[in-house]
Amino acid sequence: MSEESRAAIAESHPQLLDLADNGTLVLVQKKSFGPVPPWRTQFVEPESIWLLGTTHVSEDSALQVERVVRALKPDNVVVELCRSR
């Protein structure tokens, strides 16, 4: 986890800092990748993406997801699943 990610989480959502510190939660901000190239200005991209590592059989993971969603109130949530699920 980058210090930039941890610092941004500490500033915006300090109640989630424990998840950042244990490597479960990472914040990726668009500005960290520099300016958007002109050919991409037609796309709408989020200013930030929050990544939460989970385990599908873990009650703790389910509680962490609920906690993060309640804290962030995101416009969208994306779930990655393997083919078998």
Protein backbone atom coordinates (compact mmCIF):
# COMPACT_ATOMS: atom_id res chain seq x y z
CA MET A 1 0.00 0.00 0.00
CA SER A 2 1.33 3.41 -0.87
CA GLU A 3 1.71 6.14 1.70
CA GLU A 4 -0.37 8.35 -0.61
CA SER A 5 -3.28 5.90 -0.38
CA ARG A 6 -2.99 5.64 3.41
CA ALA A 7 -2.78 9.42 3.82
CA ALA A 8 -5.85 9.98 1.63
CA ILE A 9 -7.85 7.39 3.59
CA ALA A 10 -6.72 8.92 6.88
CA GLU A 11 -7.86 12.33 5.70
CA SER A 12 -11.17 11.42 4.09
CA HIS A 13 -12.35 8.39 6.10
CA PRO A 14 -10.22 7.92 9.23
CA GLN A 15 -12.70 5.35 10.56
CA LEU A 16 -11.43 3.00 7.82
CA LEU A 17 -7.75 3.50 8.55
CA ASP A 18 -7.40 0.12 10.26
CA LEU A 19 -8.36 -1.56 6.96
CA ALA A 20 -5.73 0.48 5.13
CA ASP A 21 -3.12 -0.37 7.73
CA ASN A 22 -3.72 -4.10 7.42
CA GLY A 23 -3.62 -3.93 3.60
CA THR A 24 -7.30 -4.74 3.03
CA LEU A 25 -8.34 -1.30 1.72
CA VAL A 26 -6.54 0.76 -0.94
CA LEU A 27 -7.55 4.06 -2.48
CA VAL A 28 -6.43 4.71 -6.07
CA GLN A 29 -6.84 8.31 -7.14
CA LYS A 30 -6.98 9.30 -10.78
CA LYS A 31 -4.78 12.33 -10.18
CA SER A 32 -1.89 10.04 -9.26
CA PHE A 33 -1.68 8.97 -12.92
CA GLY A 34 -1.25 12.50 -14.28
CA PRO A 35 -3.44 14.37 -16.76
CA VAL A 36 -5.99 12.55 -18.87
CA PRO A 37 -4.82 12.26 -22.51
CA PRO A 38 -7.00 14.19 -25.00
CA TRP A 39 -8.24 10.99 -26.66
CA ARG A 40 -9.76 9.88 -23.30
CA THR A 41 -11.65 13.06 -22.44
CA GLN A 42 -14.83 11.58 -23.90
CA PHE A 43 -14.87 8.91 -21.17
CA VAL A 44 -16.27 9.54 -17.73
CA GLU A 45 -13.88 8.11 -15.19
CA PRO A 46 -14.18 8.14 -11.41
CA GLU A 47 -11.85 10.45 -9.52
CA SER A 48 -11.06 7.63 -7.14
CA ILE A 49 -11.43 3.88 -6.89
CA TRP A 50 -11.57 2.10 -3.55
CA LEU A 51 -10.33 -1.51 -3.58
CA LEU A 52 -11.31 -3.82 -0.75
CA GLY A 53 -9.79 -7.27 -0.56
CA THR A 54 -12.21 -9.95 0.59
CA THR A 55 -12.53 -13.67 1.12
CA HIS A 56 -15.83 -15.09 -0.11
CA VAL A 57 -16.29 -17.46 2.84
CA SER A 58 -15.36 -14.96 5.55
CA GLU A 59 -17.95 -13.35 7.80
CA ASP A 60 -15.32 -10.71 8.65
CA SER A 61 -15.02 -9.83 4.95
CA ALA A 62 -18.78 -9.43 4.66
CA LEU A 63 -18.78 -7.10 7.67
CA GLN A 64 -15.89 -5.11 6.21
CA VAL A 65 -17.73 -4.69 2.92
CA GLU A 66 -20.81 -3.45 4.76
CA ARG A 67 -18.69 -1.07 6.82
CA VAL A 68 -16.91 0.38 3.78
CA VAL A 69 -20.12 0.79 1.76
CA ARG A 70 -21.83 2.53 4.67
CA ALA A 71 -18.87 4.87 5.16
CA LEU A 72 -18.29 5.72 1.48
CA LYS A 73 -21.86 5.64 0.15
CA PRO A 74 -20.51 4.89 -3.33
CA ASP A 75 -22.38 5.48 -6.57
CA ASN A 76 -21.30 2.05 -7.81
CA VAL A 77 -20.00 -1.19 -6.38
CA VAL A 78 -18.18 -3.74 -8.52
CA VAL A 79 -17.69 -7.34 -7.46
CA GLU A 80 -15.11 -9.59 -9.07
CA LEU A 81 -16.00 -13.27 -9.07
CA CYS A 82 -14.24 -16.27 -10.49
CA ARG A 83 -16.02 -18.35 -13.16
CA SER A 84 -17.04 -21.03 -10.67
CA ARG A 85 -19.18 -18.56 -8.73
